[in-house]
Amino acid sequence: MRLPLIAPADLTEEQKPLYADMKKGIGSDFNAFITIAPEGTTEAGALMGPWNPWLHEPRIGGAIWELTKAMTMEATLPDRVRQVAILVTGAHFDAAYEIYAHIAVAEKDEMDDATLATLVSGSRPAGLSAEEGIGYDVAYALVNGGVLPQPVYALAVSTFGQHGTNELIYLVGLYALVSMTLNGFNVPLPEKD
């Protein structure tokens, strides 16, 4: 880990409102995985995952957090489609915390172990629904570079509508940014008890 966790007592005046907003949002929307350093540690209450690096730069981190909240609170795509796209992105960038976190979310959505294992290995699972397959194809094409191929784009629009397709593209972009944050700052997985 390249940036130390920031215990609540060590937050600056600029960091405090961002910390409070992130902790509130994490508590309500991201409770499938560990996001806060546990009691009994020197950093008890510190935010983990991508939230810690964002706290180190509150102006930039705050903007990324606002985008994250918008993408979560305004989501119209089915949850499983979102998780497929996020896991394809995390697997492409080998972002360990992202993979860990979104496997936990996908398990809450009852995605089976074989599908999850195939997704995080960088392959396309055979048993995806038609919608999940389109989410996979869009995410896979985008993270591998270049213009999203027209047939993939057209299929996304005919399935999810223009708004849903826009959301899917932005979602992949957001989680590419999250992956870069995690990898750039070598954010570790939470320790298991």
N, C-alpha and C. Protein backbone atom coordinates (compact mmCIF):
# COMPACT_ATOMS: atom_id res chain seq x y z
N MET A 1 0.85 -1.16 0.00
CA MET A 1 0.00 0.00 0.00
C MET A 1 0.91 1.23 0.00
N ARG A 2 0.65 2.10 -0.95
CA ARG A 2 1.51 3.26 -1.12
C ARG A 2 1.04 4.50 -0.36
N LEU A 3 -0.23 4.52 0.00
CA LEU A 3 -0.77 5.64 0.78
C LEU A 3 -1.29 5.08 2.10
N PRO A 4 -0.88 5.66 3.22
CA PRO A 4 -1.36 5.13 4.49
C PRO A 4 -2.86 5.37 4.66
N LEU A 5 -3.49 4.45 5.38
CA LEU A 5 -4.90 4.66 5.74
C LEU A 5 -4.98 5.88 6.65
N ILE A 6 -6.05 6.62 6.52
CA ILE A 6 -6.22 7.83 7.33
C ILE A 6 -7.26 7.55 8.41
N ALA A 7 -6.80 7.45 9.64
CA ALA A 7 -7.72 7.25 10.76
C ALA A 7 -8.61 8.49 10.90
N PRO A 8 -9.84 8.33 11.35
CA PRO A 8 -10.75 9.48 11.47
C PRO A 8 -10.16 10.65 12.26
N ALA A 9 -9.39 10.38 13.30
CA ALA A 9 -8.80 11.45 14.12
C ALA A 9 -7.75 12.25 13.35
N ASP A 10 -7.23 11.68 12.26
CA ASP A 10 -6.17 12.35 11.50
C ASP A 10 -6.67 13.08 10.25
N LEU A 11 -7.97 13.10 10.04
CA LEU A 11 -8.52 13.77 8.85
C LEU A 11 -8.35 15.28 8.95
N THR A 12 -8.06 15.89 7.79
CA THR A 12 -8.01 17.35 7.74
C THR A 12 -9.43 17.90 7.65
N GLU A 13 -9.56 19.20 7.81
CA GLU A 13 -10.88 19.83 7.70
C GLU A 13 -11.47 19.61 6.30
N GLU A 14 -10.61 19.58 5.27
CA GLU A 14 -11.08 19.35 3.91
C GLU A 14 -11.52 17.89 3.70
N GLN A 15 -10.87 16.97 4.40
CA GLN A 15 -11.18 15.55 4.24
C GLN A 15 -12.42 15.11 5.03
N LYS A 16 -12.72 15.78 6.13
CA LYS A 16 -13.80 15.34 7.03
C LYS A 16 -15.16 15.22 6.35
N PRO A 17 -15.62 16.24 5.59
CA PRO A 17 -16.95 16.07 4.98
C PRO A 17 -16.97 14.98 3.90
N LEU A 18 -15.87 14.83 3.17
CA LEU A 18 -15.80 13.77 2.16
C LEU A 18 -15.82 12.41 2.83
N TYR A 19 -15.05 12.26 3.91
CA TYR A 19 -15.04 11.01 4.67
C TYR A 19 -16.45 10.67 5.14
N ALA A 20 -17.14 11.65 5.73
CA ALA A 20 -18.49 11.42 6.26
C ALA A 20 -19.44 10.99 5.15
N ASP A 21 -19.36 11.64 3.99
CA ASP A 21 -20.24 11.29 2.88
C ASP A 21 -19.91 9.91 2.32
N MET A 22 -18.62 9.61 2.19
CA MET A 22 -18.24 8.30 1.68
C MET A 22 -18.64 7.20 2.66
N LYS A 23 -18.40 7.43 3.95
CA LYS A 23 -18.75 6.41 4.94
C LYS A 23 -20.25 6.15 4.94
N LYS A 24 -21.04 7.21 4.82
CA LYS A 24 -22.50 7.06 4.75
C LYS A 24 -22.89 6.25 3.50
N GLY A 25 -22.33 6.60 2.35
CA GLY A 25 -22.64 5.90 1.10
C GLY A 25 -22.16 4.47 1.09
N ILE A 26 -20.98 4.25 1.62
CA ILE A 26 -20.43 2.90 1.68
C ILE A 26 -21.30 2.03 2.58
N GLY A 27 -21.73 2.58 3.70
CA GLY A 27 -22.54 1.83 4.65
C GLY A 27 -23.87 1.40 4.09
N SER A 28 -24.42 2.22 3.17
CA SER A 28 -25.74 1.89 2.64
C SER A 28 -25.69 1.10 1.34
N ASP A 29 -24.65 1.30 0.55
CA ASP A 29 -24.63 0.70 -0.79
C ASP A 29 -23.55 -0.35 -1.01
N PHE A 30 -22.53 -0.39 -0.17
CA PHE A 30 -21.39 -1.26 -0.42
C PHE A 30 -21.14 -2.19 0.76
N ASN A 31 -22.19 -2.77 1.32
CA ASN A 31 -22.02 -3.54 2.54
C ASN A 31 -21.78 -5.03 2.30
N ALA A 32 -21.44 -5.43 1.12
CA ALA A 32 -21.17 -6.84 0.84
C ALA A 32 -19.71 -7.21 1.09
N PHE A 33 -18.85 -6.21 1.32
CA PHE A 33 -17.43 -6.45 1.47
C PHE A 33 -16.84 -5.46 2.46
N ILE A 34 -15.61 -5.70 2.91
CA ILE A 34 -14.97 -4.87 3.93
C ILE A 34 -14.48 -3.56 3.31
N THR A 35 -14.93 -2.45 3.91
CA THR A 35 -14.57 -1.13 3.41
C THR A 35 -13.94 -0.23 4.47
N ILE A 36 -14.02 -0.65 5.73
CA ILE A 36 -13.54 0.19 6.83
C ILE A 36 -12.61 -0.64 7.71
N ALA A 37 -11.46 -0.04 8.08
CA ALA A 37 -10.50 -0.73 8.94
C ALA A 37 -11.17 -1.08 10.27
N PRO A 38 -10.98 -2.31 10.73
CA PRO A 38 -11.70 -2.77 11.91
C PRO A 38 -11.22 -2.14 13.22
N GLU A 39 -12.10 -2.20 14.21
CA GLU A 39 -11.74 -1.75 15.55
C GLU A 39 -10.56 -2.59 16.05
N GLY A 40 -9.76 -2.00 16.91
CA GLY A 40 -8.61 -2.71 17.46
C GLY A 40 -7.36 -2.53 16.62
N THR A 41 -7.46 -1.84 15.48
CA THR A 41 -6.28 -1.54 14.67
C THR A 41 -5.94 -0.06 14.85
N THR A 42 -4.71 0.32 14.52
CA THR A 42 -4.32 1.73 14.67
C THR A 42 -5.08 2.64 13.73
N GLU A 43 -5.61 2.08 12.63
CA GLU A 43 -6.37 2.88 11.66
C GLU A 43 -7.88 2.64 11.78
N ALA A 44 -8.35 2.17 12.92
CA ALA A 44 -9.76 1.84 13.10
C ALA A 44 -10.64 2.96 12.56
N GLY A 45 -11.60 2.59 11.72
CA GLY A 45 -12.52 3.55 11.13
C GLY A 45 -12.04 4.16 9.82
N ALA A 46 -10.79 3.89 9.44
CA ALA A 46 -10.26 4.41 8.18
C ALA A 46 -10.93 3.72 7.00
N LEU A 47 -11.16 4.47 5.93
CA LEU A 47 -11.74 3.89 4.73
C LEU A 47 -10.67 3.15 3.95
N MET A 48 -11.04 1.99 3.43
CA MET A 48 -10.11 1.16 2.66
C MET A 48 -10.51 1.20 1.19
N GLY A 49 -9.90 0.33 0.38
CA GLY A 49 -10.23 0.27 -1.04
C GLY A 49 -9.89 1.58 -1.73
N PRO A 50 -10.65 1.94 -2.77
CA PRO A 50 -10.34 3.17 -3.52
C PRO A 50 -10.64 4.44 -2.73
N TRP A 51 -11.45 4.30 -1.67
CA TRP A 51 -11.85 5.49 -0.92
C TRP A 51 -10.67 6.14 -0.21
N ASN A 52 -9.72 5.34 0.25
CA ASN A 52 -8.55 5.91 0.92
C ASN A 52 -7.74 6.81 -0.02
N PRO A 53 -7.35 6.35 -1.21
CA PRO A 53 -6.64 7.27 -2.11
C PRO A 53 -7.46 8.52 -2.45
N TRP A 54 -8.76 8.36 -2.61
CA TRP A 54 -9.60 9.52 -2.93
C TRP A 54 -9.59 10.53 -1.78
N LEU A 55 -9.52 10.03 -0.54
CA LEU A 55 -9.44 10.94 0.61
C LEU A 55 -8.13 11.72 0.64
N HIS A 56 -7.06 11.11 0.15
CA HIS A 56 -5.76 11.79 0.14
C HIS A 56 -5.78 13.02 -0.78
N GLU A 57 -6.65 13.02 -1.77
CA GLU A 57 -6.80 14.16 -2.69
C GLU A 57 -8.29 14.52 -2.72
N PRO A 58 -8.78 15.24 -1.71
CA PRO A 58 -10.23 15.42 -1.57
C PRO A 58 -10.91 16.11 -2.74
N ARG A 59 -10.22 17.01 -3.41
CA ARG A 59 -10.87 17.69 -4.55
C ARG A 59 -11.10 16.72 -5.70
N ILE A 60 -10.09 15.97 -6.06
CA ILE A 60 -10.21 14.98 -7.13
C ILE A 60 -11.03 13.79 -6.65
N GLY A 61 -10.69 13.28 -5.47
CA GLY A 61 -11.42 12.14 -4.92
C GLY A 61 -12.90 12.43 -4.73
N GLY A 62 -13.20 13.68 -4.33
CA GLY A 62 -14.60 14.07 -4.17
C GLY A 62 -15.36 14.02 -5.49
N ALA A 63 -14.70 14.45 -6.57
CA ALA A 63 -15.33 14.41 -7.89
C ALA A 63 -15.57 12.96 -8.33
N ILE A 64 -14.60 12.09 -8.07
CA ILE A 64 -14.77 10.68 -8.43
C ILE A 64 -15.88 10.07 -7.58
N TRP A 65 -15.94 10.43 -6.31
CA TRP A 65 -16.99 9.91 -5.44
C TRP A 65 -18.37 10.36 -5.91
N GLU A 66 -18.49 11.61 -6.34
CA GLU A 66 -19.78 12.09 -6.86
C GLU A 66 -20.20 11.28 -8.09
N LEU A 67 -19.25 10.98 -8.98
CA LEU A 67 -19.55 10.14 -10.14
C LEU A 67 -19.96 8.74 -9.70
N THR A 68 -19.25 8.19 -8.74
CA THR A 68 -19.57 6.85 -8.23
C THR A 68 -20.98 6.82 -7.66
N LYS A 69 -21.34 7.83 -6.87
CA LYS A 69 -22.69 7.90 -6.31
C LYS A 69 -23.73 8.01 -7.41
N ALA A 70 -23.48 8.87 -8.39
CA ALA A 70 -24.44 9.03 -9.49
C ALA A 70 -24.63 7.72 -10.24
N MET A 71 -23.54 7.02 -10.50
CA MET A 71 -23.62 5.75 -11.23
C MET A 71 -24.33 4.67 -10.41
N THR A 72 -24.29 4.79 -9.09
CA THR A 72 -24.95 3.81 -8.23
C THR A 72 -26.42 4.18 -8.01
N MET A 73 -26.66 5.42 -7.64
CA MET A 73 -28.02 5.83 -7.29
C MET A 73 -28.92 5.97 -8.51
N GLU A 74 -28.35 6.25 -9.67
CA GLU A 74 -29.15 6.45 -10.89
C GLU A 74 -29.13 5.23 -11.80
N ALA A 75 -28.64 4.11 -11.28
CA ALA A 75 -28.51 2.90 -12.09
C ALA A 75 -29.87 2.43 -12.61
N THR A 76 -29.90 2.12 -13.90
CA THR A 76 -31.10 1.55 -14.50
C THR A 76 -30.85 0.15 -15.06
N LEU A 77 -29.60 -0.20 -15.26
CA LEU A 77 -29.26 -1.53 -15.77
C LEU A 77 -29.52 -2.58 -14.69
N PRO A 78 -29.87 -3.80 -15.09
CA PRO A 78 -30.01 -4.87 -14.10
C PRO A 78 -28.70 -5.06 -13.33
N ASP A 79 -28.81 -5.36 -12.04
CA ASP A 79 -27.63 -5.50 -11.19
C ASP A 79 -26.63 -6.53 -11.73
N ARG A 80 -27.14 -7.65 -12.21
CA ARG A 80 -26.22 -8.68 -12.71
C ARG A 80 -25.47 -8.21 -13.95
N VAL A 81 -26.10 -7.43 -14.80
CA VAL A 81 -25.41 -6.88 -15.97
C VAL A 81 -24.30 -5.94 -15.50
N ARG A 82 -24.62 -5.11 -14.51
CA ARG A 82 -23.61 -4.19 -13.95
C ARG A 82 -22.42 -4.98 -13.39
N GLN A 83 -22.71 -6.03 -12.63
CA GLN A 83 -21.62 -6.79 -12.02
C GLN A 83 -20.78 -7.51 -13.07
N VAL A 84 -21.40 -8.02 -14.11
CA VAL A 84 -20.62 -8.63 -15.20
C VAL A 84 -19.66 -7.60 -15.79
N ALA A 85 -20.17 -6.42 -16.11
CA ALA A 85 -19.32 -5.38 -16.72
C ALA A 85 -18.20 -4.95 -15.77
N ILE A 86 -18.52 -4.81 -14.49
CA ILE A 86 -17.50 -4.39 -13.51
C ILE A 86 -16.44 -5.48 -13.36
N LEU A 87 -16.86 -6.74 -13.29
CA LEU A 87 -15.89 -7.83 -13.14
C LEU A 87 -15.03 -8.01 -14.38
N VAL A 88 -15.60 -7.82 -15.57
CA VAL A 88 -14.79 -7.87 -16.79
C VAL A 88 -13.72 -6.79 -16.74
N THR A 89 -14.09 -5.60 -16.29
CA THR A 89 -13.16 -4.49 -16.21
C THR A 89 -12.08 -4.77 -15.15
N GLY A 90 -12.50 -5.17 -13.97
CA GLY A 90 -11.54 -5.47 -12.91
C GLY A 90 -10.58 -6.58 -13.29
N ALA A 91 -11.10 -7.62 -13.94
CA ALA A 91 -10.25 -8.74 -14.37
C ALA A 91 -9.25 -8.28 -15.43
N HIS A 92 -9.70 -7.45 -16.35
CA HIS A 92 -8.79 -6.96 -17.39
C HIS A 92 -7.59 -6.25 -16.78
N PHE A 93 -7.84 -5.44 -15.77
CA PHE A 93 -6.77 -4.67 -15.13
C PHE A 93 -6.15 -5.39 -13.94
N ASP A 94 -6.62 -6.59 -13.64
CA ASP A 94 -6.14 -7.38 -12.51
C ASP A 94 -6.14 -6.54 -11.23
N ALA A 95 -7.25 -5.86 -10.99
CA ALA A 95 -7.43 -5.01 -9.82
C ALA A 95 -8.01 -5.86 -8.68
N ALA A 96 -7.14 -6.32 -7.80
CA ALA A 96 -7.51 -7.32 -6.79
C ALA A 96 -8.68 -6.88 -5.90
N TYR A 97 -8.64 -5.65 -5.39
CA TYR A 97 -9.71 -5.21 -4.49
C TYR A 97 -11.04 -5.11 -5.24
N GLU A 98 -10.99 -4.63 -6.47
CA GLU A 98 -12.22 -4.52 -7.27
C GLU A 98 -12.83 -5.91 -7.50
N ILE A 99 -11.98 -6.86 -7.86
CA ILE A 99 -12.46 -8.23 -8.08
C ILE A 99 -13.04 -8.79 -6.78
N TYR A 100 -12.31 -8.64 -5.69
CA TYR A 100 -12.78 -9.11 -4.38
C TYR A 100 -14.15 -8.51 -4.04
N ALA A 101 -14.26 -7.19 -4.16
CA ALA A 101 -15.48 -6.48 -3.77
C ALA A 101 -16.67 -6.88 -4.63
N HIS A 102 -16.45 -6.96 -5.93
CA HIS A 102 -17.59 -7.20 -6.82
C HIS A 102 -17.93 -8.68 -6.97
N ILE A 103 -17.04 -9.56 -6.59
CA ILE A 103 -17.44 -10.96 -6.43
C ILE A 103 -18.43 -11.03 -5.26
N ALA A 104 -18.13 -10.32 -4.19
CA ALA A 104 -19.04 -10.32 -3.03
C ALA A 104 -20.41 -9.77 -3.40
N VAL A 105 -20.44 -8.70 -4.19
CA VAL A 105 -21.72 -8.12 -4.62
C VAL A 105 -22.45 -9.10 -5.55
N ALA A 106 -21.72 -9.69 -6.48
CA ALA A 106 -22.34 -10.62 -7.43
C ALA A 106 -22.87 -11.86 -6.71
N GLU A 107 -22.19 -12.31 -5.67
CA GLU A 107 -22.69 -13.44 -4.89
C GLU A 107 -24.01 -13.08 -4.22
N LYS A 108 -24.15 -11.84 -3.76
CA LYS A 108 -25.43 -11.41 -3.18
C LYS A 108 -26.53 -11.43 -4.24
N ASP A 109 -26.14 -11.20 -5.51
CA ASP A 109 -27.09 -11.28 -6.63
C ASP A 109 -27.26 -12.71 -7.12
N GLU A 110 -26.72 -13.67 -6.36
CA GLU A 110 -26.84 -15.10 -6.63
C GLU A 110 -26.18 -15.53 -7.93
N MET A 111 -25.07 -14.89 -8.28
CA MET A 111 -24.29 -15.34 -9.42
C MET A 111 -23.46 -16.54 -8.96
N ASP A 112 -23.47 -17.61 -9.72
CA ASP A 112 -22.83 -18.85 -9.28
C ASP A 112 -21.31 -18.79 -9.40
N ASP A 113 -20.65 -19.67 -8.65
CA ASP A 113 -19.18 -19.69 -8.58
C ASP A 113 -18.52 -19.94 -9.93
N ALA A 114 -19.10 -20.81 -10.74
CA ALA A 114 -18.50 -21.12 -12.05
C ALA A 114 -18.51 -19.89 -12.94
N THR A 115 -19.62 -19.14 -12.93
CA THR A 115 -19.70 -17.92 -13.73
C THR A 115 -18.69 -16.90 -13.24
N LEU A 116 -18.61 -16.72 -11.92
CA LEU A 116 -17.66 -15.76 -11.36
C LEU A 116 -16.22 -16.15 -11.68
N ALA A 117 -15.90 -17.43 -11.53
CA ALA A 117 -14.53 -17.88 -11.82
C ALA A 117 -14.17 -17.63 -13.28
N THR A 118 -15.10 -17.88 -14.17
CA THR A 118 -14.84 -17.66 -15.60
C THR A 118 -14.67 -16.18 -15.89
N LEU A 119 -15.53 -15.34 -15.32
CA LEU A 119 -15.42 -13.90 -15.54
C LEU A 119 -14.08 -13.35 -15.08
N VAL A 120 -13.66 -13.72 -13.86
CA VAL A 120 -12.42 -13.14 -13.33
C VAL A 120 -11.17 -13.77 -13.95
N SER A 121 -11.35 -14.86 -14.69
CA SER A 121 -10.22 -15.43 -15.42
C SER A 121 -10.02 -14.73 -16.76
N GLY A 122 -10.96 -13.83 -17.10
CA GLY A 122 -10.85 -13.10 -18.35
C GLY A 122 -11.57 -13.75 -19.51
N SER A 123 -12.41 -14.74 -19.22
CA SER A 123 -13.14 -15.45 -20.26
C SER A 123 -14.63 -15.15 -20.16
N ARG A 124 -15.35 -15.50 -21.24
CA ARG A 124 -16.80 -15.27 -21.29
C ARG A 124 -17.52 -16.53 -20.83
N PRO A 125 -18.28 -16.46 -19.72
CA PRO A 125 -19.02 -17.64 -19.26
C PRO A 125 -20.09 -18.07 -20.26
N ALA A 126 -20.32 -19.35 -20.35
CA ALA A 126 -21.30 -19.89 -21.29
C ALA A 126 -22.73 -19.62 -20.85
N GLY A 127 -22.99 -19.54 -19.55
CA GLY A 127 -24.36 -19.48 -19.07
C GLY A 127 -24.93 -18.09 -18.84
N LEU A 128 -24.35 -17.07 -19.42
CA LEU A 128 -24.87 -15.71 -19.23
C LEU A 128 -26.22 -15.55 -19.92
N SER A 129 -27.09 -14.74 -19.32
CA SER A 129 -28.35 -14.39 -20.00
C SER A 129 -28.00 -13.52 -21.20
N ALA A 130 -28.96 -13.28 -22.07
CA ALA A 130 -28.72 -12.42 -23.23
C ALA A 130 -28.25 -11.03 -22.79
N GLU A 131 -28.91 -10.45 -21.78
CA GLU A 131 -28.52 -9.12 -21.29
C GLU A 131 -27.12 -9.14 -20.69
N GLU A 132 -26.83 -10.15 -19.87
CA GLU A 132 -25.50 -10.26 -19.27
C GLU A 132 -24.43 -10.42 -20.34
N GLY A 133 -24.74 -11.18 -21.39
CA GLY A 133 -23.79 -11.36 -22.49
C GLY A 133 -23.48 -10.06 -23.20
N ILE A 134 -24.48 -9.22 -23.36
CA ILE A 134 -24.25 -7.91 -23.99
C ILE A 134 -23.40 -7.04 -23.06
N GLY A 135 -23.68 -7.09 -21.76
CA GLY A 135 -22.84 -6.37 -20.80
C GLY A 135 -21.40 -6.83 -20.88
N TYR A 136 -21.22 -8.15 -21.00
CA TYR A 136 -19.87 -8.70 -21.15
C TYR A 136 -19.21 -8.18 -22.43
N ASP A 137 -19.92 -8.28 -23.54
CA ASP A 137 -19.34 -7.90 -24.83
C ASP A 137 -18.96 -6.42 -24.88
N VAL A 138 -19.82 -5.56 -24.34
CA VAL A 138 -19.52 -4.13 -24.33
C VAL A 138 -18.28 -3.87 -23.47
N ALA A 139 -18.26 -4.41 -22.25
CA ALA A 139 -17.13 -4.19 -21.36
C ALA A 139 -15.84 -4.76 -21.95
N TYR A 140 -15.91 -5.97 -22.48
CA TYR A 140 -14.72 -6.60 -23.05
C TYR A 140 -14.16 -5.78 -24.21
N ALA A 141 -15.03 -5.33 -25.09
CA ALA A 141 -14.57 -4.54 -26.23
C ALA A 141 -13.95 -3.23 -25.78
N LEU A 142 -14.58 -2.57 -24.82
CA LEU A 142 -14.06 -1.27 -24.36
C LEU A 142 -12.71 -1.39 -23.66
N VAL A 143 -12.56 -2.35 -22.76
CA VAL A 143 -11.29 -2.45 -22.03
C VAL A 143 -10.15 -2.93 -22.91
N ASN A 144 -10.48 -3.53 -24.04
CA ASN A 144 -9.43 -3.98 -24.94
C ASN A 144 -9.05 -2.94 -25.98
N GLY A 145 -9.65 -1.76 -25.91
CA GLY A 145 -9.21 -0.62 -26.71
C GLY A 145 -9.93 -0.48 -28.04
N GLY A 146 -9.90 0.73 -28.54
CA GLY A 146 -10.51 1.03 -29.82
C GLY A 146 -11.97 1.41 -29.69
N VAL A 147 -12.57 1.72 -30.82
CA VAL A 147 -13.97 2.10 -30.88
C VAL A 147 -14.84 0.87 -30.61
N LEU A 148 -15.89 1.06 -29.83
CA LEU A 148 -16.84 -0.03 -29.59
C LEU A 148 -17.42 -0.44 -30.94
N PRO A 149 -17.29 -1.70 -31.34
CA PRO A 149 -17.79 -2.12 -32.65
C PRO A 149 -19.28 -1.84 -32.82
N GLN A 150 -19.66 -1.40 -34.00
CA GLN A 150 -21.04 -1.01 -34.29
C GLN A 150 -22.05 -2.11 -33.97
N PRO A 151 -21.81 -3.38 -34.34
CA PRO A 151 -22.81 -4.41 -34.01
C PRO A 151 -23.02 -4.57 -32.50
N VAL A 152 -21.96 -4.43 -31.72
CA VAL A 152 -22.07 -4.54 -30.26
C VAL A 152 -22.84 -3.34 -29.73
N TYR A 153 -22.50 -2.16 -30.20
CA TYR A 153 -23.20 -0.94 -29.79
C TYR A 153 -24.68 -1.02 -30.15
N ALA A 154 -24.98 -1.41 -31.37
CA ALA A 154 -26.38 -1.50 -31.83
C ALA A 154 -27.17 -2.50 -31.00
N LEU A 155 -26.57 -3.63 -30.67
CA LEU A 155 -27.24 -4.63 -29.85
C LEU A 155 -27.50 -4.09 -28.44
N ALA A 156 -26.54 -3.35 -27.90
CA ALA A 156 -26.73 -2.74 -26.58
C ALA A 156 -27.89 -1.75 -26.62
N VAL A 157 -27.93 -0.90 -27.65
CA VAL A 157 -29.00 0.09 -27.76
C VAL A 157 -30.36 -0.60 -27.92
N SER A 158 -30.42 -1.65 -28.74
CA SER A 158 -31.72 -2.33 -28.93
C SER A 158 -32.15 -3.08 -27.67
N THR A 159 -31.21 -3.44 -26.81
CA THR A 159 -31.53 -4.18 -25.58
C THR A 159 -31.79 -3.24 -24.40
N PHE A 160 -30.91 -2.27 -24.20
CA PHE A 160 -30.98 -1.41 -23.01
C PHE A 160 -31.49 -0.01 -23.31
N GLY A 161 -31.69 0.33 -24.58
CA GLY A 161 -32.04 1.70 -24.94
C GLY A 161 -30.80 2.58 -24.94
N GLN A 162 -30.95 3.79 -25.43
CA GLN A 162 -29.79 4.68 -25.49
C GLN A 162 -29.28 5.02 -24.09
N HIS A 163 -30.19 5.33 -23.17
CA HIS A 163 -29.76 5.68 -21.81
C HIS A 163 -29.01 4.52 -21.16
N GLY A 164 -29.54 3.31 -21.26
CA GLY A 164 -28.89 2.15 -20.66
C GLY A 164 -27.53 1.87 -21.27
N THR A 165 -27.41 2.07 -22.58
CA THR A 165 -26.13 1.88 -23.26
C THR A 165 -25.13 2.93 -22.78
N ASN A 166 -25.58 4.17 -22.68
CA ASN A 166 -24.71 5.22 -22.16
C ASN A 166 -24.22 4.85 -20.77
N GLU A 167 -25.16 4.41 -19.93
CA GLU A 167 -24.82 4.03 -18.55
C GLU A 167 -23.77 2.92 -18.54
N LEU A 168 -23.94 1.93 -19.41
CA LEU A 168 -23.00 0.81 -19.47
C LEU A 168 -21.60 1.28 -19.87
N ILE A 169 -21.53 2.15 -20.84
CA ILE A 169 -20.23 2.68 -21.27
C ILE A 169 -19.58 3.48 -20.14
N TYR A 170 -20.36 4.36 -19.49
CA TYR A 170 -19.82 5.14 -18.38
C TYR A 170 -19.39 4.24 -17.23
N LEU A 171 -20.15 3.17 -16.98
CA LEU A 171 -19.82 2.24 -15.90
C LEU A 171 -18.46 1.59 -16.13
N VAL A 172 -18.21 1.15 -17.34
CA VAL A 172 -16.91 0.55 -17.67
C VAL A 172 -15.81 1.59 -17.48
N GLY A 173 -16.05 2.82 -17.93
CA GLY A 173 -15.06 3.88 -17.75
C GLY A 173 -14.78 4.17 -16.29
N LEU A 174 -15.84 4.23 -15.48
CA LEU A 174 -15.66 4.48 -14.05
C LEU A 174 -14.83 3.38 -13.41
N TYR A 175 -15.15 2.12 -13.72
CA TYR A 175 -14.41 1.03 -13.08
C TYR A 175 -13.01 0.83 -13.66
N ALA A 176 -12.76 1.34 -14.84
CA ALA A 176 -11.38 1.41 -15.32
C ALA A 176 -10.61 2.41 -14.45
N LEU A 177 -11.24 3.54 -14.12
CA LEU A 177 -10.62 4.54 -13.24
C LEU A 177 -10.42 3.96 -11.83
N VAL A 178 -11.42 3.26 -11.32
CA VAL A 178 -11.29 2.62 -10.01
C VAL A 178 -10.12 1.63 -10.04
N SER A 179 -10.02 0.83 -11.10
CA SER A 179 -8.92 -0.13 -11.23
C SER A 179 -7.57 0.56 -11.24
N MET A 180 -7.47 1.68 -11.96
CA MET A 180 -6.21 2.42 -11.99
C MET A 180 -5.86 2.97 -10.62
N THR A 181 -6.87 3.44 -9.89
CA THR A 181 -6.65 3.92 -8.52
C THR A 181 -6.09 2.79 -7.66
N LEU A 182 -6.76 1.66 -7.70
CA LEU A 182 -6.35 0.52 -6.88
C LEU A 182 -4.96 0.03 -7.24
N ASN A 183 -4.69 -0.11 -8.53
CA ASN A 183 -3.39 -0.62 -8.96
C ASN A 183 -2.28 0.41 -8.80
N GLY A 184 -2.57 1.67 -9.10
CA GLY A 184 -1.56 2.70 -8.98
C GLY A 184 -1.06 2.88 -7.56
N PHE A 185 -1.97 2.75 -6.60
CA PHE A 185 -1.61 2.92 -5.21
C PHE A 185 -1.44 1.58 -4.48
N ASN A 186 -1.42 0.48 -5.24
CA ASN A 186 -1.18 -0.85 -4.69
C ASN A 186 -2.08 -1.11 -3.47
N VAL A 187 -3.38 -0.89 -3.65
CA VAL A 187 -4.34 -1.06 -2.57
C VAL A 187 -4.52 -2.56 -2.30
N PRO A 188 -4.27 -2.98 -1.07
CA PRO A 188 -4.36 -4.40 -0.76
C PRO A 188 -5.78 -4.85 -0.45
N LEU A 189 -5.96 -6.15 -0.45
CA LEU A 189 -7.20 -6.74 0.01
C LEU A 189 -7.25 -6.64 1.53
N PRO A 190 -8.45 -6.56 2.10
CA PRO A 190 -8.53 -6.57 3.56
C PRO A 190 -8.00 -7.90 4.10
N GLU A 191 -7.38 -7.85 5.26
CA GLU A 191 -6.90 -9.08 5.86
C GLU A 191 -8.06 -9.87 6.42
N LYS A 192 -7.97 -11.17 6.25
CA LYS A 192 -9.01 -12.07 6.77
C LYS A 192 -8.70 -12.37 8.23
N ASP A 193 -9.75 -12.58 9.01
CA ASP A 193 -9.56 -12.93 10.43
C ASP A 193 -9.05 -14.34 10.56
